[in-house]
Amino acid sequence: MENNYVIVVDSTTDLPQNLADEWGLVVVPYIFTLEGKDYHNYLDYRELSSKDFYGKLREGKSATTTQVTIFRYMEIWEPYLKEGKDILYMCLSSGLSKSYDQSVMAAQQAMEEYPGRKVITIDTKSASLGQGMLAYLASKARADGCSLEAAAEEIKDVIQYLQIWFVPDDLFHLKRSGRVSGASALLGSVLSIKPVLSMVADGRIVPIGKVRGWSKVFDYLLARMEEHNFKATEDPYGALYIAHSDSPERAQQFREVAAAKFGIKDFRIIDIGPVIGAHTGFGSLAISWVGNERININA
């Protein structure tokens, strides 16, 4: 069958486990380290709950993360390759992690060791809710009968138009981990100033603006949705994804104002898991939708 392939995603998609199961996704659990102990970021939080993780961050603890190795990719892919299945792998942005480089080398090794099998790796230039949206679209494409190659091309096309906007409570964690470009330009001690960032065309996180207070943040994000062509439709491209790091009330508040302004019919609200949360900190809000072309900012 043309669509005899598995879709592999990272745990940084931050999807609930039940959705990953429903969509038939194979998940690569990333590893994070907290207080000297390593944890796998499983989607069901079996090793450490999201609540406990953010509780540690609120106590002033910090966490670190590591890239996925070639060995780990092969370990996860091989059972499916042995069954005669191909692989479509969608990786966390190369602008945030070196895992994508490892996945490219792992794909070459896999196809050498299993002649006739195909492994396509995609740099999603996305994280968290953006990856989750792409995972859903890939799953739908496969269910609709798309071949491995056709599904990969559809995802690569959507990536160009995937808007991802992100507001941390502060930039401490992103600055510490080096995951944001030009962070110093927005750092300050002024109370209630919130930096607004976007994942730009090459998959980096870049500061775009700053707003005083969360109510103004909501207005700013709604304006970006309008500017970047959000359209509420019945198809998957009219959905709005909202993610938060231990701030569900804030996510729900934004859902309500966005629904009132745009008449949105399809929302998904997800928790930002520990691997992404190690860099965003607690209290963050992010939104994603398929709109117009992403902002293109030179490094």
Protein backbone atom coordinates (compact mmCIF):
# COMPACT_ATOMS: atom_id res chain seq x y z
CA MET A 1 0.00 0.00 0.00
CA GLU A 2 1.21 3.50 -0.81
CA ASN A 3 0.42 4.76 2.68
CA ASN A 4 2.13 1.89 4.52
CA TYR A 5 4.27 4.16 6.66
CA VAL A 6 4.47 5.32 10.25
CA ILE A 7 4.45 8.94 11.35
CA VAL A 8 7.05 9.64 14.03
CA VAL A 9 6.99 12.84 16.06
CA ASP A 10 8.82 14.23 19.08
CA SER A 11 7.40 14.49 22.56
CA THR A 12 7.97 18.22 22.06
CA THR A 13 4.69 18.21 20.10
CA ASP A 14 3.19 18.41 23.62
CA LEU A 15 0.09 16.53 22.47
CA PRO A 16 -2.04 14.66 24.98
CA GLN A 17 -1.28 10.93 24.85
CA ASN A 18 -4.84 10.10 23.81
CA LEU A 19 -4.57 12.29 20.70
CA ALA A 20 -1.23 10.76 19.74
CA ASP A 21 -2.87 7.33 20.06
CA GLU A 22 -5.95 8.41 18.12
CA TRP A 23 -3.83 9.84 15.30
CA GLY A 24 -1.58 6.78 15.18
CA LEU A 25 1.65 8.58 16.01
CA VAL A 26 4.92 7.06 17.19
CA VAL A 27 6.57 9.39 19.70
CA VAL A 28 10.27 10.02 20.40
CA PRO A 29 10.50 10.96 24.10
CA TYR A 30 13.09 13.69 24.65
CA ILE A 31 15.11 13.71 27.87
CA PHE A 32 15.36 16.54 30.40
CA THR A 33 17.44 16.82 33.54
CA LEU A 34 16.11 18.33 36.74
CA GLU A 35 17.99 18.41 40.07
CA GLY A 36 20.59 16.01 38.70
CA LYS A 37 18.08 13.38 37.57
CA ASP A 38 17.18 12.46 33.98
CA TYR A 39 13.53 12.09 32.95
CA HIS A 40 11.90 10.98 29.70
CA ASN A 41 9.33 13.49 28.49
CA TYR A 42 6.59 10.93 27.77
CA LEU A 43 3.31 12.46 26.69
CA ASP A 44 1.51 10.85 29.63
CA TYR A 45 4.07 12.31 32.09
CA ARG A 46 4.64 8.89 33.60
CA GLU A 47 8.03 9.83 35.07
CA LEU A 48 7.24 13.35 36.30
CA SER A 49 3.96 15.22 36.11
CA SER A 50 3.70 18.62 34.47
CA LYS A 51 2.40 20.06 37.73
CA ASP A 52 5.42 18.79 39.67
CA PHE A 53 7.82 19.99 36.97
CA TYR A 54 6.50 23.55 36.97
CA GLY A 55 6.33 23.46 40.75
CA LYS A 56 10.10 22.96 40.74
CA LEU A 57 10.59 25.86 38.33
CA ARG A 58 8.48 28.09 40.57
CA GLU A 59 10.80 27.13 43.43
CA GLY A 60 13.70 28.53 41.40
CA LYS A 61 15.02 25.24 40.02
CA SER A 62 16.11 25.01 36.38
CA ALA A 63 16.11 22.13 33.91
CA THR A 64 18.30 21.24 30.93
CA THR A 65 17.60 19.19 27.81
CA THR A 66 19.61 17.06 25.40
CA GLN A 67 19.37 16.27 21.70
CA VAL A 68 18.25 12.89 20.39
CA THR A 69 21.08 10.63 19.19
CA ILE A 70 21.37 8.53 16.02
CA PHE A 71 21.29 5.42 18.22
CA ARG A 72 18.01 6.48 19.80
CA TYR A 73 16.40 7.18 16.44
CA MET A 74 17.42 3.77 15.13
CA GLU A 75 16.15 2.11 18.30
CA ILE A 76 12.69 3.63 17.76
CA TRP A 77 12.53 3.23 13.96
CA GLU A 78 13.91 -0.29 13.55
CA PRO A 79 10.87 -2.30 14.68
CA TYR A 80 8.81 -0.61 11.95
CA LEU A 81 11.50 -0.93 9.29
CA LYS A 82 11.70 -4.65 10.07
CA GLU A 83 7.93 -4.88 9.47
CA GLY A 84 8.48 -3.43 5.99
CA LYS A 85 7.12 0.03 6.83
CA ASP A 86 8.56 3.37 5.80
CA ILE A 87 9.07 6.33 8.15
CA LEU A 88 7.90 9.94 8.05
CA TYR A 89 9.67 11.76 10.86
CA MET A 90 8.86 15.35 11.83
CA CYS A 91 11.53 16.89 14.04
CA LEU A 92 11.70 19.78 16.47
CA SER A 93 13.03 22.93 14.77
CA SER A 94 16.71 22.86 13.86
CA GLY A 95 16.72 26.44 15.12
CA LEU A 96 16.24 25.07 18.64
CA SER A 97 18.00 21.72 18.66
CA LYS A 98 20.65 19.68 16.83
CA SER A 99 18.34 16.66 16.86
CA TYR A 100 17.37 17.25 13.23
CA ASP A 101 21.00 16.83 12.11
CA GLN A 102 21.14 13.56 14.02
CA SER A 103 17.89 12.40 12.40
CA VAL A 104 19.25 13.04 8.89
CA MET A 105 22.27 10.84 9.61
CA ALA A 106 20.03 8.22 11.22
CA ALA A 107 17.80 8.20 8.13
CA GLN A 108 20.82 7.57 5.89
CA GLN A 109 21.94 4.72 8.13
CA ALA A 110 18.44 3.24 8.24
CA MET A 111 18.07 3.18 4.45
CA GLU A 112 21.51 1.59 4.07
CA GLU A 113 20.68 -1.14 6.59
CA TYR A 114 17.16 -1.70 5.22
CA PRO A 115 17.35 -1.47 1.42
CA GLY A 116 14.01 -0.69 -0.15
CA ARG A 117 12.76 1.21 2.87
CA LYS A 118 12.34 4.99 2.86
CA VAL A 119 12.88 7.36 5.76
CA ILE A 120 11.94 11.00 5.21
CA THR A 121 12.91 13.46 7.92
CA ILE A 122 11.39 16.94 8.04
CA ASP A 123 12.67 19.97 9.91
CA THR A 124 9.33 21.35 11.10
CA LYS A 125 10.85 24.73 12.02
CA SER A 126 8.30 24.47 14.81
CA ALA A 127 7.88 23.41 18.41
CA SER A 128 5.10 22.39 20.78
CA LEU A 129 1.68 23.36 19.44
CA GLY A 130 3.07 24.06 15.94
CA GLN A 131 4.49 20.55 15.78
CA GLY A 132 1.22 19.22 17.13
CA MET A 133 -0.75 20.87 14.34
CA LEU A 134 1.62 19.42 11.72
CA ALA A 135 1.30 15.98 13.32
CA TYR A 136 -2.48 16.16 12.96
CA LEU A 137 -2.25 17.25 9.31
CA ALA A 138 0.18 14.41 8.52
CA SER A 139 -2.09 11.89 10.21
CA LYS A 140 -5.08 13.18 8.26
CA ALA A 141 -3.13 13.05 4.99
CA ARG A 142 -2.24 9.41 5.65
CA ALA A 143 -5.84 8.56 6.54
CA ASP A 144 -6.94 10.19 3.29
CA GLY A 145 -4.65 7.84 1.36
CA CYS A 146 -1.67 10.13 0.70
CA SER A 147 1.60 8.39 -0.04
CA LEU A 148 4.67 8.97 2.13
CA GLU A 149 6.08 11.42 -0.39
CA ALA A 150 2.79 13.28 -0.87
CA ALA A 151 2.24 13.65 2.87
CA ALA A 152 5.80 14.92 3.31
CA GLU A 153 5.34 17.52 0.57
CA GLU A 154 2.05 18.70 2.09
CA ILE A 155 3.70 19.17 5.48
CA LYS A 156 6.69 21.01 3.97
CA ASP A 157 4.28 23.36 2.23
CA VAL A 158 2.23 24.06 5.37
CA ILE A 159 5.40 24.82 7.39
CA GLN A 160 5.90 27.98 5.32
CA TYR A 161 2.52 29.30 6.46
CA LEU A 162 2.47 28.07 10.05
CA GLN A 163 2.26 31.08 12.34
CA ILE A 164 3.64 30.50 15.85
CA TRP A 165 3.52 33.36 18.36
CA PHE A 166 4.71 33.06 21.91
CA VAL A 167 4.61 35.22 25.05
CA PRO A 168 6.68 34.15 28.08
CA ASP A 169 6.09 35.69 31.47
CA ASP A 170 9.76 36.72 31.23
CA LEU A 171 12.81 35.82 29.15
CA PHE A 172 14.94 34.35 31.93
CA HIS A 173 14.74 30.70 30.85
CA LEU A 174 15.04 31.43 27.13
CA LYS A 175 18.00 33.73 27.68
CA ARG A 176 19.74 31.22 29.96
CA SER A 177 19.38 28.41 27.42
CA GLY A 178 20.30 30.55 24.41
CA ARG A 179 17.09 29.54 22.62
CA VAL A 180 16.07 33.08 21.64
CA SER A 181 17.83 35.49 19.30
CA GLY A 182 18.33 39.06 20.44
CA ALA A 183 16.77 38.47 23.85
CA SER A 184 18.81 41.23 25.47
CA ALA A 185 16.94 43.80 23.40
CA LEU A 186 13.77 43.03 25.33
CA LEU A 187 15.12 42.38 28.78
CA GLY A 188 14.29 44.93 31.44
CA SER A 189 13.03 45.32 34.94
CA VAL A 190 9.88 47.28 34.10
CA LEU A 191 6.95 45.59 35.81
CA SER A 192 4.42 43.82 33.58
CA ILE A 193 6.34 44.28 30.31
CA LYS A 194 5.77 41.10 28.30
CA PRO A 195 8.00 40.18 25.34
CA VAL A 196 6.22 38.86 22.23
CA LEU A 197 8.18 36.40 20.12
CA SER A 198 7.60 34.54 16.89
CA MET A 199 9.10 31.42 15.34
CA VAL A 200 10.31 32.91 12.09
CA ALA A 201 10.83 31.25 8.70
CA ASP A 202 14.08 29.49 9.60
CA GLY A 203 12.68 28.10 12.85
CA ARG A 204 14.40 30.43 15.29
CA ILE A 205 12.57 32.22 18.10
CA VAL A 206 12.90 35.96 17.59
CA PRO A 207 11.56 38.88 19.71
CA ILE A 208 9.07 40.93 17.69
CA GLY A 209 7.60 43.34 20.22
CA LYS A 210 6.79 44.04 23.85
CA VAL A 211 3.50 44.87 25.53
CA ARG A 212 2.54 46.04 29.01
CA GLY A 213 0.23 43.60 30.76
CA TRP A 214 -1.63 40.48 29.66
CA SER A 215 -4.78 42.26 28.49
CA LYS A 216 -2.65 44.20 26.00
CA VAL A 217 -0.93 40.93 25.08
CA PHE A 218 -4.30 39.50 24.08
CA ASP A 219 -5.01 42.54 21.91
CA TYR A 220 -1.58 42.26 20.31
CA LEU A 221 -2.02 38.56 19.49
CA LEU A 222 -5.50 39.13 18.06
CA ALA A 223 -4.02 41.82 15.82
CA ARG A 224 -1.30 39.43 14.66
CA MET A 225 -3.96 36.81 13.85
CA GLU A 226 -5.74 39.37 11.69
CA GLU A 227 -2.51 40.61 10.10
CA HIS A 228 -1.30 37.09 9.34
CA ASN A 229 -4.52 35.89 7.77
CA PHE A 230 -6.28 33.76 10.35
CA LYS A 231 -9.55 32.45 8.87
CA ALA A 232 -11.99 30.38 10.90
CA THR A 233 -13.13 27.57 8.62
CA GLU A 234 -14.53 24.07 8.98
CA ASP A 235 -11.37 22.39 7.65
CA PRO A 236 -8.24 21.72 9.78
CA TYR A 237 -6.57 24.85 8.43
CA GLY A 238 -9.11 27.00 10.26
CA ALA A 239 -8.18 25.71 13.71
CA LEU A 240 -6.43 27.70 16.41
CA TYR A 241 -3.97 25.90 18.66
CA ILE A 242 -3.28 27.41 22.10
CA ALA A 243 -0.54 26.22 24.45
CA HIS A 244 0.36 27.27 27.97
CA SER A 245 2.97 26.44 30.59
CA ASP A 246 1.08 25.91 33.83
CA SER A 247 -1.38 28.75 33.10
CA PRO A 248 -4.64 27.09 31.94
CA GLU A 249 -6.81 30.03 33.02
CA ARG A 250 -4.86 32.38 30.74
CA ALA A 251 -5.22 29.98 27.82
CA GLN A 252 -8.96 29.73 28.41
CA GLN A 253 -9.28 33.51 28.61
CA PHE A 254 -7.54 33.89 25.26
CA ARG A 255 -9.76 31.19 23.77
CA GLU A 256 -12.82 33.19 24.75
CA VAL A 257 -11.61 36.50 23.29
CA ALA A 258 -10.40 34.82 20.09
CA ALA A 259 -13.71 33.00 19.66
CA ALA A 260 -15.61 36.25 20.13
CA LYS A 261 -13.52 38.10 17.54
CA PHE A 262 -13.12 35.43 14.84
CA GLY A 263 -16.00 32.99 15.38
CA ILE A 264 -13.54 30.11 15.68
CA LYS A 265 -15.10 26.65 15.62
CA ASP A 266 -12.05 24.45 16.25
CA PHE A 267 -9.66 25.00 19.17
CA ARG A 268 -7.04 22.78 20.72
CA ILE A 269 -5.59 23.80 24.08
CA ILE A 270 -2.47 21.90 25.12
CA ASP A 271 0.04 21.96 27.97
CA ILE A 272 3.62 22.90 27.19
CA GLY A 273 5.61 19.91 28.41
CA PRO A 274 8.86 19.84 30.41
CA VAL A 275 11.32 19.85 27.47
CA ILE A 276 9.90 23.02 25.94
CA GLY A 277 8.96 24.32 29.39
CA ALA A 278 12.60 24.08 30.50
CA HIS A 279 13.25 26.95 28.07
CA THR A 280 9.98 28.92 28.27
CA GLY A 281 9.50 28.84 32.03
CA PHE A 282 6.07 28.90 33.68
CA GLY A 283 3.20 31.26 32.86
CA SER A 284 3.75 31.32 29.08
CA LEU A 285 1.12 31.48 26.35
CA ALA A 286 1.53 30.45 22.70
CA ILE A 287 -0.79 30.34 19.69
CA SER A 288 -0.49 28.77 16.25
CA TRP A 289 -2.52 28.74 13.05
CA VAL A 290 -2.08 28.34 9.29
CA GLY A 291 -2.01 31.83 7.80
CA ASN A 292 0.24 33.69 5.40
CA GLU A 293 3.99 33.30 4.98
CA ARG A 294 6.09 33.48 8.09
CA ILE A 295 8.24 36.45 8.98
CA ASN A 296 11.68 36.08 7.42
CA ILE A 297 14.44 37.63 9.55
CA ASN A 298 18.12 37.16 8.72
CA ALA A 299 20.28 35.80 11.51
